[in-house]
């Protein structure tokens, strides 16, 4: 009798609880069916997105908004409406801009050379420590896309002087320029044929105060030019930038200039 009572005490409440749980689950199932479907669609869309990313496949337009919610439809509708409004306005003409030419390998080489040398405006100078006669030095510069240096004014001369002094200090070396009077004595021309109008000829040092002036030229530093028809090419001293005339066949350092 006691055993039957204990069995009924244990089983009946479980049955009652199961019945109540079933009815509660049924209500939750009926009320939450839409939410479960929504979660399932979101889960499937997320899995599809991860699979497409793993396989490297492009996402379809519909996959970007798998739920088809009102927010996505509103965005598309707004974009279409905006396109329609833009279609009603008259298109404004855009100014034609010609594309800039692409740099060539020669431009890159010139740019690198200018970085190693000295630049002023649209011209740059580059020293060569190879010993060459004046004509051979000019040919070397032309082969590289330039010419022997042709300082046309005081600014270019000052830039070239600072550059050569810094590059060759503490020594003093003569450096070929693109200046000569081979065509006619005393008529100095650049290598491009233009007449030279700016000069920086060396001048002998002035005598010390109280010393008797001498008519004889300074033995080590005479006024330039002084070579006559034997010295028709011009070199620049690297220490002070002064010009000296030399025999064109003498082998010296030279400095090229390139357009920048």
C-alpha atoms as a PDB file:
ATOM      1  CA  UNK A   1       0.000   0.000   0.000  1.00  0.00           C
ATOM      2  CA  UNK A   2       2.837   2.389   0.916  1.00  0.00           C
ATOM      3  CA  UNK A   3       4.638   1.517  -2.344  1.00  0.00           C
ATOM      4  CA  UNK A   4       1.563   2.346  -4.431  1.00  0.00           C
ATOM      5  CA  UNK A   5       1.188   5.677  -2.636  1.00  0.00           C
ATOM      6  CA  UNK A   6       4.813   6.577  -3.245  1.00  0.00           C
ATOM      7  CA  UNK A   7       4.514   5.654  -6.925  1.00  0.00           C
ATOM      8  CA  UNK A   8       1.409   7.823  -7.373  1.00  0.00           C
ATOM      9  CA  UNK A   9       3.125  10.693  -5.543  1.00  0.00           C
ATOM     10  CA  UNK A  10       6.064  10.593  -7.983  1.00  0.00           C
ATOM     11  CA  UNK A  11       4.312   9.872 -11.304  1.00  0.00           C
ATOM     12  CA  UNK A  12       1.221  12.088 -11.113  1.00  0.00           C
ATOM     13  CA  UNK A  13       3.098  15.373 -10.646  1.00  0.00           C
ATOM     14  CA  UNK A  14       5.415  14.465 -13.557  1.00  0.00           C
ATOM     15  CA  UNK A  15       2.435  13.797 -15.786  1.00  0.00           C
ATOM     16  CA  UNK A  16       0.830  17.066 -14.764  1.00  0.00           C
ATOM     17  CA  UNK A  17       4.077  18.920 -15.353  1.00  0.00           C
ATOM     18  CA  UNK A  18       4.540  17.293 -18.750  1.00  0.00           C
ATOM     19  CA  UNK A  19       1.013  18.308 -19.768  1.00  0.00           C
ATOM     20  CA  UNK A  20       1.600  21.872 -18.647  1.00  0.00           C
ATOM     21  CA  UNK A  21       5.011  21.964 -20.388  1.00  0.00           C
ATOM     22  CA  UNK A  22       3.516  20.623 -23.586  1.00  0.00           C
ATOM     23  CA  UNK A  23       0.802  23.259 -23.570  1.00  0.00           C
ATOM     24  CA  UNK A  24       3.431  25.976 -22.844  1.00  0.00           C
ATOM     25  CA  UNK A  25       5.698  24.708 -25.588  1.00  0.00           C
ATOM     26  CA  UNK A  26       2.718  24.639 -27.943  1.00  0.00           C
ATOM     27  CA  UNK A  27       1.980  28.270 -27.140  1.00  0.00           C
ATOM     28  CA  UNK A  28       5.626  29.222 -27.553  1.00  0.00           C
ATOM     29  CA  UNK A  29       5.735  27.305 -30.862  1.00  0.00           C
ATOM     30  CA  UNK A  30       2.643  29.043 -32.127  1.00  0.00           C
ATOM     31  CA  UNK A  31       3.807  32.469 -30.957  1.00  0.00           C
ATOM     32  CA  UNK A  32       7.499  32.138 -31.901  1.00  0.00           C
ATOM     33  CA  UNK A  33       7.209  30.319 -35.234  1.00  0.00           C
ATOM     34  CA  UNK A  34       7.866  33.479 -37.208  1.00  0.00           C
ATOM     35  CA  UNK A  35      10.924  34.356 -35.090  1.00  0.00           C
ATOM     36  CA  UNK A  36      12.391  30.888 -35.535  1.00  0.00           C
ATOM     37  CA  UNK A  37      11.990  31.108 -39.304  1.00  0.00           C
ATOM     38  CA  UNK A  38      13.649  34.529 -39.277  1.00  0.00           C
ATOM     39  CA  UNK A  39      16.617  33.235 -37.277  1.00  0.00           C
ATOM     40  CA  UNK A  40      16.953  30.234 -39.580  1.00  0.00           C
ATOM     41  CA  UNK A  41      17.065  32.446 -42.678  1.00  0.00           C
ATOM     42  CA  UNK A  42      19.676  34.679 -41.084  1.00  0.00           C
ATOM     43  CA  UNK A  43      21.772  31.626 -40.162  1.00  0.00           C
ATOM     44  CA  UNK A  44      21.553  30.241 -43.705  1.00  0.00           C
ATOM     45  CA  UNK A  45      22.453  33.603 -45.228  1.00  0.00           C
ATOM     46  CA  UNK A  46      25.476  33.925 -42.928  1.00  0.00           C
ATOM     47  CA  UNK A  47      26.693  30.416 -43.807  1.00  0.00           C
ATOM     48  CA  UNK A  48      26.273  31.188 -47.536  1.00  0.00           C
ATOM     49  CA  UNK A  49      28.264  34.410 -47.169  1.00  0.00           C
ATOM     50  CA  UNK A  50      31.121  32.619 -45.389  1.00  0.00           C
ATOM     51  CA  UNK A  51      31.150  29.910 -48.059  1.00  0.00           C
ATOM     52  CA  UNK A  52      31.321  32.468 -50.873  1.00  0.00           C
ATOM     53  CA  UNK A  53      34.208  34.247 -49.153  1.00  0.00           C
ATOM     54  CA  UNK A  54      36.070  30.965 -48.664  1.00  0.00           C
ATOM     55  CA  UNK A  55      35.631  29.958 -52.321  1.00  0.00           C
ATOM     56  CA  UNK A  56      36.358  33.455 -53.644  1.00  0.00           C
ATOM     57  CA  UNK A  57      32.957  33.715 -55.348  1.00  0.00           C
ATOM     58  CA  UNK A  58      31.381  37.136 -56.003  1.00  0.00           C
ATOM     59  CA  UNK A  59      28.387  37.921 -53.876  1.00  0.00           C
ATOM     60  CA  UNK A  60      25.077  38.253 -55.655  1.00  0.00           C
ATOM     61  CA  UNK A  61      23.042  41.393 -55.297  1.00  0.00           C
ATOM     62  CA  UNK A  62      20.330  39.495 -53.446  1.00  0.00           C
ATOM     63  CA  UNK A  63      22.883  38.097 -50.974  1.00  0.00           C
ATOM     64  CA  UNK A  64      23.777  41.590 -49.798  1.00  0.00           C
ATOM     65  CA  UNK A  65      20.273  41.870 -48.336  1.00  0.00           C
ATOM     66  CA  UNK A  66      19.113  38.227 -47.831  1.00  0.00           C
ATOM     67  CA  UNK A  67      16.300  39.088 -45.439  1.00  0.00           C
ATOM     68  CA  UNK A  68      14.639  41.345 -47.990  1.00  0.00           C
ATOM     69  CA  UNK A  69      13.841  43.817 -45.224  1.00  0.00           C
ATOM     70  CA  UNK A  70      12.327  47.205 -45.747  1.00  0.00           C
ATOM     71  CA  UNK A  71      15.664  48.917 -45.116  1.00  0.00           C
ATOM     72  CA  UNK A  72      17.252  47.255 -48.136  1.00  0.00           C
ATOM     73  CA  UNK A  73      14.249  47.988 -50.353  1.00  0.00           C
ATOM     74  CA  UNK A  74      14.252  51.571 -49.176  1.00  0.00           C
ATOM     75  CA  UNK A  75      17.902  51.995 -50.079  1.00  0.00           C
ATOM     76  CA  UNK A  76      17.339  50.655 -53.596  1.00  0.00           C
ATOM     77  CA  UNK A  77      14.237  52.784 -54.028  1.00  0.00           C
ATOM     78  CA  UNK A  78      16.079  55.913 -52.859  1.00  0.00           C
ATOM     79  CA  UNK A  79      18.906  55.258 -55.280  1.00  0.00           C
ATOM     80  CA  UNK A  80      16.495  54.767 -58.180  1.00  0.00           C
ATOM     81  CA  UNK A  81      14.574  57.904 -57.239  1.00  0.00           C
ATOM     82  CA  UNK A  82      17.825  59.833 -57.110  1.00  0.00           C
ATOM     83  CA  UNK A  83      18.748  58.596 -60.554  1.00  0.00           C
ATOM     84  CA  UNK A  84      15.384  59.705 -61.862  1.00  0.00           C
ATOM     85  CA  UNK A  85      15.804  63.165 -60.405  1.00  0.00           C
ATOM     86  CA  UNK A  86      19.270  63.467 -61.868  1.00  0.00           C
ATOM     87  CA  UNK A  87      17.916  62.454 -65.259  1.00  0.00           C
ATOM     88  CA  UNK A  88      15.581  65.426 -65.220  1.00  0.00           C
ATOM     89  CA  UNK A  89      18.424  67.917 -64.746  1.00  0.00           C
ATOM     90  CA  UNK A  90      20.501  69.073 -67.699  1.00  0.00           C
ATOM     91  CA  UNK A  91      23.987  67.576 -67.689  1.00  0.00           C
ATOM     92  CA  UNK A  92      26.735  70.101 -67.041  1.00  0.00           C
ATOM     93  CA  UNK A  93      29.638  69.900 -69.523  1.00  0.00           C
ATOM     94  CA  UNK A  94      32.902  68.847 -67.918  1.00  0.00           C
ATOM     95  CA  UNK A  95      36.054  70.622 -69.077  1.00  0.00           C
ATOM     96  CA  UNK A  96      38.371  68.465 -71.151  1.00  0.00           C
ATOM     97  CA  UNK A  97      41.704  67.952 -69.441  1.00  0.00           C
ATOM     98  CA  UNK A  98      44.472  66.510 -71.573  1.00  0.00           C
ATOM     99  CA  UNK A  99      46.393  63.774 -69.759  1.00  0.00           C
ATOM    100  CA  UNK A 100      49.968  64.557 -68.831  1.00  0.00           C
ATOM    101  CA  UNK A 101      52.556  62.533 -70.758  1.00  0.00           C
ATOM    102  CA  UNK A 102      53.938  59.526 -68.963  1.00  0.00           C
ATOM    103  CA  UNK A 103      57.587  59.791 -67.896  1.00  0.00           C
ATOM    104  CA  UNK A 104      60.049  57.955 -70.119  1.00  0.00           C
ATOM    105  CA  UNK A 105      63.098  55.959 -68.954  1.00  0.00           C
ATOM    106  CA  UNK A 106      65.265  58.849 -70.168  1.00  0.00           C
ATOM    107  CA  UNK A 107      63.334  61.206 -67.871  1.00  0.00           C
ATOM    108  CA  UNK A 108      63.986  58.911 -64.914  1.00  0.00           C
ATOM    109  CA  UNK A 109      67.707  58.735 -65.720  1.00  0.00           C
ATOM    110  CA  UNK A 110      67.921  62.524 -66.016  1.00  0.00           C
ATOM    111  CA  UNK A 111      66.076  62.912 -62.722  1.00  0.00           C
ATOM    112  CA  UNK A 112      68.528  60.589 -60.944  1.00  0.00           C
ATOM    113  CA  UNK A 113      71.485  62.449 -62.422  1.00  0.00           C
ATOM    114  CA  UNK A 114      70.061  65.761 -61.274  1.00  0.00           C
ATOM    115  CA  UNK A 115      69.659  64.379 -57.750  1.00  0.00           C
ATOM    116  CA  UNK A 116      73.384  63.611 -57.706  1.00  0.00           C
ATOM    117  CA  UNK A 117      74.344  67.025 -59.082  1.00  0.00           C
ATOM    118  CA  UNK A 118      73.123  70.595 -58.633  1.00  0.00           C
ATOM    119  CA  UNK A 119      69.785  71.891 -59.927  1.00  0.00           C
ATOM    120  CA  UNK A 120      68.688  75.429 -60.711  1.00  0.00           C
ATOM    121  CA  UNK A 121      65.334  76.030 -62.357  1.00  0.00           C
ATOM    122  CA  UNK A 122      64.982  73.784 -65.415  1.00  0.00           C
ATOM    123  CA  UNK A 123      68.687  72.972 -65.605  1.00  0.00           C
ATOM    124  CA  UNK A 124      70.929  70.691 -63.583  1.00  0.00           C
ATOM    125  CA  UNK A 125      74.700  70.159 -63.523  1.00  0.00           C
ATOM    126  CA  UNK A 126      76.577  66.899 -63.026  1.00  0.00           C
ATOM    127  CA  UNK A 127      80.351  66.575 -62.604  1.00  0.00           C
ATOM    128  CA  UNK A 128      82.303  63.752 -64.242  1.00  0.00           C
ATOM    129  CA  UNK A 129      85.698  62.782 -62.827  1.00  0.00           C
ATOM    130  CA  UNK A 130      86.816  61.212 -66.098  1.00  0.00           C
ATOM    131  CA  UNK A 131      89.689  62.945 -67.893  1.00  0.00           C
ATOM    132  CA  UNK A 132      88.679  63.869 -71.445  1.00  0.00           C
ATOM    133  CA  UNK A 133      89.596  66.393 -74.134  1.00  0.00           C
ATOM    134  CA  UNK A 134      87.007  69.099 -74.612  1.00  0.00           C
ATOM    135  CA  UNK A 135      85.430  67.639 -77.761  1.00  0.00           C
ATOM    136  CA  UNK A 136      85.322  64.133 -76.263  1.00  0.00           C
ATOM    137  CA  UNK A 137      83.757  65.508 -73.067  1.00  0.00           C
ATOM    138  CA  UNK A 138      81.052  67.223 -75.118  1.00  0.00           C
ATOM    139  CA  UNK A 139      80.359  63.961 -76.950  1.00  0.00           C
ATOM    140  CA  UNK A 140      80.012  62.140 -73.621  1.00  0.00           C
ATOM    141  CA  UNK A 141      77.499  64.694 -72.345  1.00  0.00           C
ATOM    142  CA  UNK A 142      75.488  64.554 -75.585  1.00  0.00           C
ATOM    143  CA  UNK A 143      75.373  60.748 -75.408  1.00  0.00           C
ATOM    144  CA  UNK A 144      73.801  61.067 -71.964  1.00  0.00           C
ATOM    145  CA  UNK A 145      71.158  63.509 -73.176  1.00  0.00           C
ATOM    146  CA  UNK A 146      72.844  66.788 -72.223  1.00  0.00           C
ATOM    147  CA  UNK A 147      75.723  69.082 -73.101  1.00  0.00           C
ATOM    148  CA  UNK A 148      78.809  70.557 -71.484  1.00  0.00           C
ATOM    149  CA  UNK A 149      77.735  73.121 -68.902  1.00  0.00           C
ATOM    150  CA  UNK A 150      76.710  76.496 -70.329  1.00  0.00           C
ATOM    151  CA  UNK A 151      76.269  78.940 -67.417  1.00  0.00           C
ATOM    152  CA  UNK A 152      74.352  81.814 -68.963  1.00  0.00           C
ATOM    153  CA  UNK A 153      74.103  84.242 -66.008  1.00  0.00           C
ATOM    154  CA  UNK A 154      75.461  84.999 -62.556  1.00  0.00           C
ATOM    155  CA  UNK A 155      72.905  82.781 -60.751  1.00  0.00           C
ATOM    156  CA  UNK A 156      73.843  79.722 -62.791  1.00  0.00           C
ATOM    157  CA  UNK A 157      77.505  80.572 -62.345  1.00  0.00           C
ATOM    158  CA  UNK A 158      77.162  80.827 -58.563  1.00  0.00           C
ATOM    159  CA  UNK A 159      75.284  77.517 -58.395  1.00  0.00           C
ATOM    160  CA  UNK A 160      77.915  75.782 -60.520  1.00  0.00           C
ATOM    161  CA  UNK A 161      80.764  77.302 -58.477  1.00  0.00           C
ATOM    162  CA  UNK A 162      79.321  76.108 -55.150  1.00  0.00           C
ATOM    163  CA  UNK A 163      78.698  72.651 -56.575  1.00  0.00           C
ATOM    164  CA  UNK A 164      82.223  72.175 -57.990  1.00  0.00           C
ATOM    165  CA  UNK A 165      83.879  73.597 -54.873  1.00  0.00           C
ATOM    166  CA  UNK A 166      81.979  71.203 -52.601  1.00  0.00           C
ATOM    167  CA  UNK A 167      82.551  68.222 -54.911  1.00  0.00           C
ATOM    168  CA  UNK A 168      86.327  68.676 -55.375  1.00  0.00           C
ATOM    169  CA  UNK A 169      87.448  70.378 -52.137  1.00  0.00           C
ATOM    170  CA  UNK A 170      90.086  70.754 -50.789  1.00  0.00           C
ATOM    171  CA  UNK A 171      91.721  70.554 -54.221  1.00  0.00           C
ATOM    172  CA  UNK A 172      91.566  72.894 -57.188  1.00  0.00           C
ATOM    173  CA  UNK A 173      90.816  71.207 -60.509  1.00  0.00           C
ATOM    174  CA  UNK A 174      90.072  72.791 -63.887  1.00  0.00           C
ATOM    175  CA  UNK A 175      86.751  71.527 -65.266  1.00  0.00           C
ATOM    176  CA  UNK A 176      85.684  71.798 -68.901  1.00  0.00           C
ATOM    177  CA  UNK A 177      82.721  74.029 -69.747  1.00  0.00           C
ATOM    178  CA  UNK A 178      80.783  74.247 -72.999  1.00  0.00           C
ATOM    179  CA  UNK A 179      82.474  77.534 -73.952  1.00  0.00           C
ATOM    180  CA  UNK A 180      85.020  78.059 -76.767  1.00  0.00           C
ATOM    181  CA  UNK A 181      86.269  80.489 -79.418  1.00  0.00           C
ATOM    182  CA  UNK A 182      87.304  77.957 -82.037  1.00  0.00           C
ATOM    183  CA  UNK A 183      85.304  79.657 -84.773  1.00  0.00           C
ATOM    184  CA  UNK A 184      86.983  83.040 -84.384  1.00  0.00           C
ATOM    185  CA  UNK A 185      89.529  84.313 -81.865  1.00  0.00           C
ATOM    186  CA  UNK A 186      87.784  86.241 -79.107  1.00  0.00           C
ATOM    187  CA  UNK A 187      84.279  85.245 -80.241  1.00  0.00           C
ATOM    188  CA  UNK A 188      83.161  82.954 -77.426  1.00  0.00           C
ATOM    189  CA  UNK A 189      80.231  80.674 -78.111  1.00  0.00           C
ATOM    190  CA  UNK A 190      78.342  78.023 -76.176  1.00  0.00           C
ATOM    191  CA  UNK A 191      78.164  74.510 -77.583  1.00  0.00           C
ATOM    192  CA  UNK A 192      74.618  75.240 -78.785  1.00  0.00           C
ATOM    193  CA  UNK A 193      75.969  78.049 -80.995  1.00  0.00           C
ATOM    194  CA  UNK A 194      74.689  80.949 -78.886  1.00  0.00           C
ATOM    195  CA  UNK A 195      77.051  83.806 -78.140  1.00  0.00           C
ATOM    196  CA  UNK A 196      78.349  84.057 -74.578  1.00  0.00           C
ATOM    197  CA  UNK A 197      77.387  87.308 -72.868  1.00  0.00           C
ATOM    198  CA  UNK A 198      78.425  86.446 -69.292  1.00  0.00           C
ATOM    199  CA  UNK A 199      82.090  85.880 -68.391  1.00  0.00           C
ATOM    200  CA  UNK A 200      83.959  85.026 -65.198  1.00  0.00           C
ATOM    201  CA  UNK A 201      87.572  85.318 -66.347  1.00  0.00           C
ATOM    202  CA  UNK A 202      90.330  84.963 -63.801  1.00  0.00           C
ATOM    203  CA  UNK A 203      92.118  88.160 -62.862  1.00  0.00           C
ATOM    204  CA  UNK A 204      95.597  88.382 -61.365  1.00  0.00           C
ATOM    205  CA  UNK A 205      95.655  89.434 -57.722  1.00  0.00           C
ATOM    206  CA  UNK A 206      96.081  93.123 -57.099  1.00  0.00           C
ATOM    207  CA  UNK A 207      99.502  94.234 -55.838  1.00  0.00           C
ATOM    208  CA  UNK A 208      99.896  94.781 -52.128  1.00  0.00           C
ATOM    209  CA  UNK A 209      99.408  98.331 -50.856  1.00  0.00           C
ATOM    210  CA  UNK A 210     102.610 100.351 -51.280  1.00  0.00           C
ATOM    211  CA  UNK A 211     104.141  97.905 -53.775  1.00  0.00           C
ATOM    212  CA  UNK A 212     105.282  99.151 -57.170  1.00  0.00           C
ATOM    213  CA  UNK A 213     102.927  98.024 -59.929  1.00  0.00           C
ATOM    214  CA  UNK A 214     104.535  95.737 -62.480  1.00  0.00           C
ATOM    215  CA  UNK A 215     103.707  95.518 -66.163  1.00  0.00           C
ATOM    216  CA  UNK A 216     104.797  91.896 -66.278  1.00  0.00           C
ATOM    217  CA  UNK A 217     101.980  89.320 -65.874  1.00  0.00           C
ATOM    218  CA  UNK A 218     101.756  87.322 -62.677  1.00  0.00           C
ATOM    219  CA  UNK A 219     103.865  84.182 -63.254  1.00  0.00           C
ATOM    220  CA  UNK A 220     101.396  81.800 -61.584  1.00  0.00           C
ATOM    221  CA  UNK A 221      98.095  83.589 -62.013  1.00  0.00           C
ATOM    222  CA  UNK A 222      97.976  85.719 -65.176  1.00  0.00           C
ATOM    223  CA  UNK A 223      94.885  87.445 -66.396  1.00  0.00           C
ATOM    224  CA  UNK A 224      92.662  85.321 -68.580  1.00  0.00           C
ATOM    225  CA  UNK A 225      92.263  84.675 -71.448  1.00  0.00           C
ATOM    226  CA  UNK A 226      95.903  84.703 -72.446  1.00  0.00           C
ATOM    227  CA  UNK A 227      96.429  81.724 -74.746  1.00  0.00           C
ATOM    228  CA  UNK A 228      95.544  83.302 -78.055  1.00  0.00           C
ATOM    229  CA  UNK A 229      94.907  80.839 -80.887  1.00  0.00           C
ATOM    230  CA  UNK A 230      96.614  78.032 -78.946  1.00  0.00           C
ATOM    231  CA  UNK A 231      94.003  77.928 -76.190  1.00  0.00           C
ATOM    232  CA  UNK A 232      90.457  78.062 -77.501  1.00  0.00           C
ATOM    233  CA  UNK A 233      88.458  76.180 -74.868  1.00  0.00           C
ATOM    234  CA  UNK A 234      87.344  77.356 -71.427  1.00  0.00           C
ATOM    235  CA  UNK A 235      87.617  75.516 -68.121  1.00  0.00           C
ATOM    236  CA  UNK A 236      86.413  76.618 -64.711  1.00  0.00           C
ATOM    237  CA  UNK A 237      88.605  76.452 -61.601  1.00  0.00           C
ATOM    238  CA  UNK A 238      86.872  74.446 -58.909  1.00  0.00           C
ATOM    239  CA  UNK A 239      88.115  76.541 -55.986  1.00  0.00           C
ATOM    240  CA  UNK A 240      86.909  80.023 -56.915  1.00  0.00           C
ATOM    241  CA  UNK A 241      84.885  79.470 -60.122  1.00  0.00           C
ATOM    242  CA  UNK A 242      87.102  81.604 -62.330  1.00  0.00           C
ATOM    243  CA  UNK A 243      87.415  80.868 -66.063  1.00  0.00           C
ATOM    244  CA  UNK A 244      90.681  79.910 -67.745  1.00  0.00           C
ATOM    245  CA  UNK A 245      91.407  79.262 -71.400  1.00  0.00           C
ATOM    246  CA  UNK A 246      93.180  75.983 -72.206  1.00  0.00           C
ATOM    247  CA  UNK A 247      94.324  73.886 -75.108  1.00  0.00           C
ATOM    248  CA  UNK A 248      91.208  72.016 -76.246  1.00  0.00           C
ATOM    249  CA  UNK A 249      93.139  68.728 -76.415  1.00  0.00           C
ATOM    250  CA  UNK A 250      94.072  68.856 -72.744  1.00  0.00           C
ATOM    251  CA  UNK A 251      92.377  66.111 -70.745  1.00  0.00           C
ATOM    252  CA  UNK A 252      90.406  67.508 -67.822  1.00  0.00           C
ATOM    253  CA  UNK A 253      87.385  66.778 -65.648  1.00  0.00           C
ATOM    254  CA  UNK A 254      84.149  68.038 -67.176  1.00  0.00           C
ATOM    255  CA  UNK A 255      80.674  69.040 -66.040  1.00  0.00           C
ATOM    256  CA  UNK A 256      77.516  68.302 -68.029  1.00  0.00           C
ATOM    257  CA  UNK A 257      74.169  70.045 -67.892  1.00  0.00           C
ATOM    258  CA  UNK A 258      70.791  68.399 -68.453  1.00  0.00           C
ATOM    259  CA  UNK A 259      67.292  69.836 -68.927  1.00  0.00           C
ATOM    260  CA  UNK A 260      65.173  69.227 -65.838  1.00  0.00           C
END
